[in-house]
N, C-alpha and C. Protein backbone atom coordinates (compact mmCIF):
# COMPACT_ATOMS: atom_id res chain seq x y z
N MET A 1 117.97 102.31 81.53
CA MET A 1 119.06 102.90 82.26
C MET A 1 119.97 103.59 81.24
N LYS A 2 120.21 104.88 81.45
CA LYS A 2 121.02 105.65 80.50
C LYS A 2 122.30 106.15 81.16
N PHE A 3 123.38 106.04 80.38
CA PHE A 3 124.69 106.49 80.83
C PHE A 3 125.27 107.44 79.79
N SER A 4 125.76 108.58 80.22
CA SER A 4 126.46 109.48 79.31
C SER A 4 127.86 108.95 79.07
N TYR A 5 128.33 109.06 77.83
CA TYR A 5 129.70 108.66 77.51
C TYR A 5 130.67 109.51 78.33
N LYS A 6 131.82 108.94 78.64
CA LYS A 6 132.88 109.66 79.35
C LYS A 6 133.79 110.35 78.32
N LYS A 7 134.14 111.58 78.64
CA LYS A 7 135.05 112.33 77.77
C LYS A 7 136.50 112.01 78.16
N SER A 8 137.33 111.83 77.12
CA SER A 8 138.76 111.61 77.33
C SER A 8 139.52 112.52 76.39
N LEU A 9 140.62 113.05 76.87
CA LEU A 9 141.49 113.84 76.02
C LEU A 9 142.61 112.96 75.51
N ILE A 10 142.83 113.02 74.19
CA ILE A 10 143.90 112.25 73.57
C ILE A 10 144.74 113.19 72.70
N THR A 11 145.86 112.71 72.24
CA THR A 11 146.66 113.48 71.31
C THR A 11 145.88 113.62 70.01
N PRO A 12 145.68 114.84 69.52
CA PRO A 12 144.92 115.01 68.28
C PRO A 12 145.50 114.17 67.14
N ALA A 13 144.59 113.58 66.37
CA ALA A 13 144.97 112.72 65.25
C ALA A 13 143.87 112.80 64.21
N PRO A 14 144.11 112.35 62.99
CA PRO A 14 143.03 112.36 61.99
C PRO A 14 141.80 111.62 62.51
N GLY A 15 140.67 112.26 62.40
CA GLY A 15 139.44 111.71 62.95
C GLY A 15 139.16 112.19 64.36
N PHE A 16 140.19 112.62 65.05
CA PHE A 16 140.07 113.13 66.42
C PHE A 16 140.87 114.43 66.53
N GLU A 17 140.62 115.33 65.60
CA GLU A 17 141.39 116.58 65.53
C GLU A 17 141.28 117.40 66.81
N SER A 18 140.13 117.33 67.47
CA SER A 18 139.93 118.12 68.68
C SER A 18 140.67 117.52 69.88
N GLY A 19 141.06 116.25 69.76
CA GLY A 19 141.69 115.58 70.89
C GLY A 19 140.67 115.12 71.92
N LEU A 20 139.39 115.22 71.56
CA LEU A 20 138.32 114.81 72.48
C LEU A 20 137.72 113.50 71.99
N LEU A 21 137.68 112.53 72.88
CA LEU A 21 137.16 111.21 72.56
C LEU A 21 136.05 110.89 73.55
N TYR A 22 134.93 110.36 73.05
CA TYR A 22 133.83 109.94 73.91
C TYR A 22 133.83 108.42 73.97
N GLN A 23 133.80 107.87 75.20
CA GLN A 23 133.84 106.43 75.38
C GLN A 23 132.65 105.96 76.20
N SER A 24 132.17 104.76 75.86
CA SER A 24 131.04 104.18 76.58
C SER A 24 131.54 103.49 77.85
N LYS A 25 132.05 104.30 78.77
CA LYS A 25 132.50 103.81 80.07
C LYS A 25 131.41 104.08 81.10
N ILE A 26 131.14 103.08 81.92
CA ILE A 26 130.10 103.24 82.93
C ILE A 26 130.62 102.81 84.30
N PRO A 27 130.09 103.40 85.36
CA PRO A 27 130.49 102.97 86.70
C PRO A 27 129.82 101.64 87.04
N VAL A 28 130.59 100.72 87.56
CA VAL A 28 130.07 99.41 87.92
C VAL A 28 130.71 98.97 89.23
N LEU A 29 129.93 98.31 90.06
CA LEU A 29 130.44 97.75 91.31
C LEU A 29 130.59 96.25 91.13
N LEU A 30 131.76 95.73 91.50
CA LEU A 30 132.04 94.31 91.48
C LEU A 30 132.01 93.82 92.92
N SER A 31 131.10 92.89 93.20
CA SER A 31 130.92 92.41 94.57
C SER A 31 131.30 90.95 94.70
N GLY A 32 131.80 90.62 95.87
CA GLY A 32 132.09 89.24 96.22
C GLY A 32 131.61 89.00 97.64
N PRO A 33 131.90 87.83 98.19
CA PRO A 33 131.44 87.49 99.54
C PRO A 33 131.93 88.43 100.65
N LYS A 34 133.10 89.09 100.45
CA LYS A 34 133.69 89.93 101.51
C LYS A 34 133.58 91.42 101.28
N GLY A 35 133.46 91.85 100.02
CA GLY A 35 133.51 93.29 99.79
C GLY A 35 133.19 93.68 98.36
N VAL A 36 133.39 94.98 98.08
CA VAL A 36 133.01 95.58 96.81
C VAL A 36 134.15 96.45 96.29
N MET A 37 134.32 96.47 94.96
CA MET A 37 135.27 97.39 94.31
C MET A 37 134.53 98.12 93.19
N ARG A 38 134.87 99.39 93.00
CA ARG A 38 134.23 100.21 91.95
C ARG A 38 135.19 100.36 90.78
N PHE A 39 134.63 100.26 89.57
CA PHE A 39 135.40 100.43 88.34
C PHE A 39 134.64 101.31 87.37
N ASP A 40 135.36 102.05 86.53
CA ASP A 40 134.78 102.65 85.33
C ASP A 40 135.12 101.69 84.21
N ALA A 41 134.12 100.96 83.73
CA ALA A 41 134.34 99.89 82.77
C ALA A 41 133.86 100.28 81.38
N LEU A 42 134.62 99.88 80.38
CA LEU A 42 134.28 100.15 78.99
C LEU A 42 133.30 99.09 78.51
N VAL A 43 132.13 99.51 78.03
CA VAL A 43 131.18 98.59 77.42
C VAL A 43 131.66 98.38 75.99
N ASP A 44 132.06 97.15 75.67
CA ASP A 44 132.76 96.86 74.42
C ASP A 44 132.06 95.75 73.65
N THR A 45 131.35 96.12 72.59
CA THR A 45 130.64 95.13 71.77
C THR A 45 131.60 94.22 71.01
N GLY A 46 132.85 94.59 70.91
CA GLY A 46 133.85 93.76 70.22
C GLY A 46 134.55 92.76 71.12
N SER A 47 134.22 92.79 72.41
CA SER A 47 134.85 91.86 73.36
C SER A 47 133.92 90.68 73.62
N ASP A 48 134.45 89.47 73.46
CA ASP A 48 133.65 88.27 73.73
C ASP A 48 133.45 88.06 75.23
N GLN A 49 134.40 88.51 76.04
CA GLN A 49 134.36 88.23 77.48
C GLN A 49 134.30 89.52 78.29
N THR A 50 133.84 89.38 79.53
CA THR A 50 133.91 90.47 80.50
C THR A 50 135.20 90.23 81.29
N ILE A 51 136.04 91.26 81.30
CA ILE A 51 137.39 91.13 81.88
C ILE A 51 137.66 92.28 82.83
N PHE A 52 138.16 91.95 84.01
CA PHE A 52 138.56 92.96 84.99
C PHE A 52 140.02 92.74 85.35
N PRO A 53 140.70 93.82 85.77
CA PRO A 53 142.08 93.64 86.25
C PRO A 53 142.07 92.87 87.56
N LEU A 54 143.05 92.01 87.74
CA LEU A 54 143.10 91.18 88.94
C LEU A 54 143.33 92.00 90.21
N LEU A 55 144.24 92.97 90.15
CA LEU A 55 144.52 93.85 91.29
C LEU A 55 144.50 93.09 92.60
N ASP A 56 143.73 93.59 93.58
CA ASP A 56 143.59 92.94 94.89
C ASP A 56 142.20 92.34 95.04
N ILE A 57 141.65 91.85 93.94
CA ILE A 57 140.27 91.35 93.91
C ILE A 57 140.02 90.30 95.00
N GLU A 58 140.90 89.32 95.09
CA GLU A 58 140.67 88.23 96.05
C GLU A 58 140.64 88.74 97.48
N GLU A 59 141.58 89.61 97.83
CA GLU A 59 141.67 90.09 99.21
C GLU A 59 140.50 91.01 99.57
N ILE A 60 140.13 91.90 98.66
CA ILE A 60 139.11 92.90 98.98
C ILE A 60 137.70 92.35 98.86
N THR A 61 137.43 91.58 97.79
CA THR A 61 136.05 91.13 97.54
C THR A 61 135.77 89.71 98.03
N GLY A 62 136.80 88.91 98.16
CA GLY A 62 136.60 87.50 98.51
C GLY A 62 136.25 86.64 97.32
N ILE A 63 136.28 87.21 96.11
CA ILE A 63 136.04 86.42 94.91
C ILE A 63 137.19 85.43 94.76
N LEU A 64 136.86 84.17 94.50
CA LEU A 64 137.87 83.14 94.31
C LEU A 64 138.29 83.11 92.84
N ILE A 65 139.58 83.15 92.59
CA ILE A 65 140.11 83.12 91.24
C ILE A 65 140.65 81.72 90.98
N ASP A 66 140.09 81.06 89.97
CA ASP A 66 140.50 79.71 89.61
C ASP A 66 141.64 79.81 88.59
N ARG A 67 142.85 79.63 89.04
CA ARG A 67 144.01 79.75 88.16
C ARG A 67 144.21 78.52 87.28
N ASN A 68 143.37 77.51 87.48
CA ASN A 68 143.42 76.33 86.62
C ASN A 68 142.46 76.45 85.43
N THR A 69 141.47 77.32 85.54
CA THR A 69 140.54 77.56 84.43
C THR A 69 141.02 78.82 83.74
N LYS A 70 141.63 78.64 82.58
CA LYS A 70 142.29 79.74 81.89
C LYS A 70 141.68 79.99 80.52
N SER A 71 141.87 81.20 80.08
CA SER A 71 141.54 81.61 78.71
C SER A 71 142.61 82.62 78.33
N GLU A 72 142.49 83.16 77.15
CA GLU A 72 143.41 84.23 76.78
C GLU A 72 142.68 85.20 75.88
N VAL A 73 143.23 86.38 75.83
CA VAL A 73 142.69 87.41 74.96
C VAL A 73 143.86 87.96 74.16
N ARG A 74 143.57 88.25 72.91
CA ARG A 74 144.60 88.85 72.05
C ARG A 74 144.11 90.21 71.61
N GLY A 75 145.01 91.16 71.65
CA GLY A 75 144.67 92.52 71.25
C GLY A 75 144.77 92.72 69.76
N ARG A 76 144.66 93.95 69.37
CA ARG A 76 144.69 94.32 67.97
C ARG A 76 145.91 93.71 67.28
N LEU A 77 145.68 93.12 66.13
CA LEU A 77 146.72 92.47 65.31
C LEU A 77 147.42 91.33 66.04
N GLU A 78 146.83 90.88 67.15
CA GLU A 78 147.33 89.75 67.93
C GLU A 78 148.77 89.94 68.44
N GLN A 79 149.21 91.18 68.54
CA GLN A 79 150.56 91.44 69.04
C GLN A 79 150.60 91.44 70.57
N HIS A 80 149.47 91.62 71.18
CA HIS A 80 149.41 91.63 72.64
C HIS A 80 148.53 90.47 73.08
N LYS A 81 149.02 89.66 74.01
CA LYS A 81 148.28 88.49 74.49
C LYS A 81 148.28 88.51 76.01
N GLU A 82 147.11 88.27 76.60
CA GLU A 82 146.98 88.21 78.06
C GLU A 82 146.37 86.88 78.46
N GLU A 83 146.86 86.34 79.56
CA GLU A 83 146.25 85.15 80.13
C GLU A 83 145.16 85.59 81.10
N LEU A 84 144.04 84.90 81.06
CA LEU A 84 142.89 85.24 81.91
C LEU A 84 142.55 84.09 82.84
N PHE A 85 142.02 84.44 84.02
CA PHE A 85 141.63 83.44 85.02
C PHE A 85 140.18 83.69 85.42
N LEU A 86 139.41 82.63 85.57
CA LEU A 86 137.98 82.75 85.86
C LEU A 86 137.72 82.99 87.34
N GLY A 87 136.84 83.94 87.63
CA GLY A 87 136.44 84.23 89.00
C GLY A 87 135.11 83.55 89.31
N SER A 88 134.87 83.25 90.58
CA SER A 88 133.60 82.64 90.97
C SER A 88 132.89 83.52 91.99
N LYS A 89 131.58 83.40 92.02
CA LYS A 89 130.72 84.16 92.92
C LYS A 89 130.84 85.67 92.70
N CYS A 90 130.89 86.06 91.41
CA CYS A 90 130.98 87.48 91.05
C CYS A 90 129.58 88.06 90.85
N VAL A 91 129.39 89.26 91.36
CA VAL A 91 128.12 89.97 91.18
C VAL A 91 128.45 91.37 90.69
N LEU A 92 127.75 91.81 89.64
CA LEU A 92 127.89 93.18 89.14
C LEU A 92 126.67 94.00 89.53
N ARG A 93 126.91 95.28 89.83
CA ARG A 93 125.81 96.18 90.16
C ARG A 93 125.98 97.48 89.38
N LEU A 94 124.88 97.87 88.72
CA LEU A 94 124.82 99.15 88.01
C LEU A 94 123.78 100.00 88.70
N ALA A 95 124.02 101.30 88.79
CA ALA A 95 123.04 102.20 89.40
C ALA A 95 123.09 103.55 88.71
N VAL A 96 121.93 104.05 88.34
CA VAL A 96 121.78 105.41 87.82
C VAL A 96 120.54 105.99 88.45
N GLU A 97 120.73 107.10 89.14
CA GLU A 97 119.64 107.75 89.85
C GLU A 97 118.89 106.72 90.70
N GLU A 98 117.62 106.43 90.39
CA GLU A 98 116.85 105.50 91.24
C GLU A 98 116.84 104.07 90.72
N GLU A 99 117.47 103.80 89.58
CA GLU A 99 117.47 102.46 89.01
C GLU A 99 118.71 101.69 89.43
N VAL A 100 118.51 100.42 89.82
CA VAL A 100 119.62 99.55 90.21
C VAL A 100 119.42 98.18 89.56
N TYR A 101 120.48 97.66 88.94
CA TYR A 101 120.49 96.29 88.42
C TYR A 101 121.64 95.57 89.10
N GLU A 102 121.35 94.39 89.63
CA GLU A 102 122.37 93.57 90.28
C GLU A 102 122.21 92.15 89.78
N PHE A 103 123.33 91.53 89.36
CA PHE A 103 123.21 90.21 88.74
C PHE A 103 124.53 89.43 88.85
N PRO A 104 124.42 88.09 88.91
CA PRO A 104 125.61 87.25 88.90
C PRO A 104 126.24 87.31 87.51
N SER A 105 127.56 87.21 87.45
CA SER A 105 128.25 87.35 86.17
C SER A 105 129.47 86.45 86.10
N SER A 106 129.72 85.92 84.91
CA SER A 106 130.97 85.20 84.66
C SER A 106 132.02 86.23 84.27
N ILE A 107 133.05 86.34 85.09
CA ILE A 107 134.07 87.36 84.87
C ILE A 107 135.43 86.71 84.83
N TRP A 108 136.21 87.13 83.85
CA TRP A 108 137.59 86.72 83.72
C TRP A 108 138.47 87.83 84.28
N PHE A 109 139.61 87.45 84.83
CA PHE A 109 140.51 88.42 85.44
C PHE A 109 141.89 88.32 84.79
N SER A 110 142.46 89.49 84.54
CA SER A 110 143.79 89.58 83.92
C SER A 110 144.77 90.13 84.94
N ASP A 111 145.92 89.46 85.05
CA ASP A 111 146.97 89.99 85.93
C ASP A 111 148.05 90.69 85.12
N ASP A 112 147.66 91.19 83.94
CA ASP A 112 148.56 91.89 83.03
C ASP A 112 149.10 93.18 83.65
N GLY A 113 148.31 93.83 84.47
CA GLY A 113 148.75 95.08 85.09
C GLY A 113 148.29 96.31 84.35
N ASN A 114 148.02 96.19 83.05
CA ASN A 114 147.55 97.31 82.25
C ASN A 114 146.14 97.11 81.73
N SER A 115 145.51 96.03 82.11
CA SER A 115 144.21 95.69 81.57
C SER A 115 143.11 96.55 82.20
N PRO A 116 142.31 97.23 81.36
CA PRO A 116 141.18 97.99 81.90
C PRO A 116 140.01 97.05 82.17
N ALA A 117 139.00 97.54 82.86
CA ALA A 117 137.77 96.78 83.06
C ALA A 117 136.96 96.87 81.77
N ILE A 118 136.58 95.70 81.22
CA ILE A 118 135.85 95.64 79.96
C ILE A 118 134.60 94.80 80.16
N LEU A 119 133.46 95.38 79.79
CA LEU A 119 132.19 94.68 79.85
C LEU A 119 131.87 94.18 78.44
N GLY A 120 132.12 92.88 78.21
CA GLY A 120 131.92 92.28 76.90
C GLY A 120 130.64 91.47 76.83
N HIS A 121 130.56 90.64 75.79
CA HIS A 121 129.32 89.88 75.56
C HIS A 121 129.02 88.91 76.71
N SER A 122 129.93 87.94 76.94
CA SER A 122 129.71 86.96 78.00
C SER A 122 129.86 87.65 79.35
N GLY A 123 128.87 87.53 80.19
CA GLY A 123 128.94 88.11 81.53
C GLY A 123 128.36 89.51 81.65
N PHE A 124 128.02 90.16 80.49
CA PHE A 124 127.41 91.48 80.58
C PHE A 124 126.43 91.76 79.45
N LEU A 125 126.92 92.01 78.25
CA LEU A 125 126.03 92.41 77.15
C LEU A 125 124.97 91.36 76.83
N GLU A 126 125.24 90.09 77.12
CA GLU A 126 124.25 89.04 76.87
C GLU A 126 122.96 89.27 77.67
N PHE A 127 123.02 90.05 78.74
CA PHE A 127 121.87 90.28 79.62
C PHE A 127 121.10 91.55 79.30
N PHE A 128 121.57 92.34 78.33
CA PHE A 128 120.95 93.64 78.05
C PHE A 128 120.70 93.86 76.56
N THR A 129 119.69 94.64 76.26
CA THR A 129 119.53 95.22 74.94
C THR A 129 120.20 96.58 75.04
N SER A 130 121.20 96.78 74.20
CA SER A 130 122.05 97.97 74.31
C SER A 130 121.87 98.87 73.10
N THR A 131 121.77 100.16 73.36
CA THR A 131 121.70 101.16 72.30
C THR A 131 122.83 102.16 72.52
N PHE A 132 123.71 102.26 71.53
CA PHE A 132 124.82 103.19 71.58
C PHE A 132 124.47 104.37 70.68
N ASP A 133 124.20 105.52 71.27
CA ASP A 133 123.85 106.72 70.52
C ASP A 133 125.12 107.56 70.37
N GLY A 134 125.82 107.37 69.25
CA GLY A 134 127.08 108.07 69.03
C GLY A 134 126.91 109.57 68.92
N ASP A 135 125.82 110.03 68.34
CA ASP A 135 125.60 111.46 68.18
C ASP A 135 125.27 112.11 69.53
N GLY A 136 124.44 111.44 70.31
CA GLY A 136 124.05 111.99 71.61
C GLY A 136 124.98 111.62 72.74
N HIS A 137 125.96 110.73 72.46
CA HIS A 137 126.93 110.28 73.46
C HIS A 137 126.25 109.65 74.68
N VAL A 138 125.29 108.75 74.39
CA VAL A 138 124.53 108.10 75.46
C VAL A 138 124.43 106.60 75.19
N LEU A 139 124.64 105.81 76.21
CA LEU A 139 124.45 104.36 76.16
C LEU A 139 123.18 104.04 76.95
N THR A 140 122.26 103.29 76.33
CA THR A 140 121.05 102.86 77.01
C THR A 140 121.11 101.34 77.18
N LEU A 141 120.89 100.88 78.39
CA LEU A 141 120.87 99.45 78.70
C LEU A 141 119.50 99.09 79.27
N GLU A 142 118.87 98.08 78.67
CA GLU A 142 117.59 97.56 79.17
C GLU A 142 117.76 96.06 79.37
N PRO A 143 117.38 95.53 80.54
CA PRO A 143 117.51 94.08 80.75
C PRO A 143 116.69 93.32 79.72
N ASN A 144 117.25 92.21 79.21
CA ASN A 144 116.51 91.36 78.29
C ASN A 144 116.08 90.08 79.00
N LYS A 145 115.54 89.12 78.25
CA LYS A 145 115.01 87.90 78.88
C LYS A 145 116.10 87.02 79.50
N ARG A 146 117.37 87.25 79.17
CA ARG A 146 118.46 86.48 79.78
C ARG A 146 118.90 87.05 81.12
N PHE A 147 118.45 88.24 81.45
CA PHE A 147 118.81 88.89 82.72
C PHE A 147 118.16 88.11 83.85
N SER A 148 118.97 87.60 84.79
CA SER A 148 118.43 86.80 85.89
C SER A 148 118.68 87.44 87.26
N GLY A 149 118.97 88.72 87.24
CA GLY A 149 119.30 89.39 88.50
C GLY A 149 118.12 90.15 89.06
N ILE A 150 118.44 91.18 89.79
CA ILE A 150 117.44 92.02 90.45
C ILE A 150 117.44 93.38 89.78
N ALA A 151 116.27 93.83 89.38
CA ALA A 151 116.09 95.18 88.86
C ALA A 151 115.14 95.88 89.81
N LYS A 152 115.55 97.03 90.33
CA LYS A 152 114.66 97.71 91.26
C LYS A 152 114.79 99.22 91.14
N LYS A 153 113.76 99.88 91.56
CA LYS A 153 113.74 101.33 91.61
C LYS A 153 113.83 101.73 93.08
N LEU A 154 114.76 102.61 93.38
CA LEU A 154 114.89 103.09 94.75
C LEU A 154 113.89 104.22 94.98
N GLU A 155 113.31 104.21 96.13
CA GLU A 155 112.38 105.28 96.48
C GLU A 155 112.89 105.99 97.73
N TRP A 156 112.82 107.30 97.68
CA TRP A 156 113.33 108.11 98.79
C TRP A 156 112.21 108.59 99.65
């Protein structure tokens, strides 16, 4: 499954003189017992956890958030700290053209308000062999032996 990097415009800076940044963001569907939400999530090899913004997750998807099971994440230089809460019965779905992968996932939720969707090692990257082609701006994901979900090809 191949995903093209997303282009972002930033303020030009050394190393990014053009102001153009390519990010390994992919469309992902987060499903629960009641519904589905779509996110453009950053695939982040430096993140230990898969983290989504809390938003209206419980109301829309029916995912239960356990506020007693907590973790935290610290940002660069540990100046930013977020409290995380574990979700249950979370399912992630990826789709590109005719390929679909759907699998249960351990996902942490942040009620920080500014937290983007991040696909980290636990709950996402652990299930895939990932190739980041920086020159071609393409991310390739192939399920590995830890993938326990459904992989299927759609036929029209």
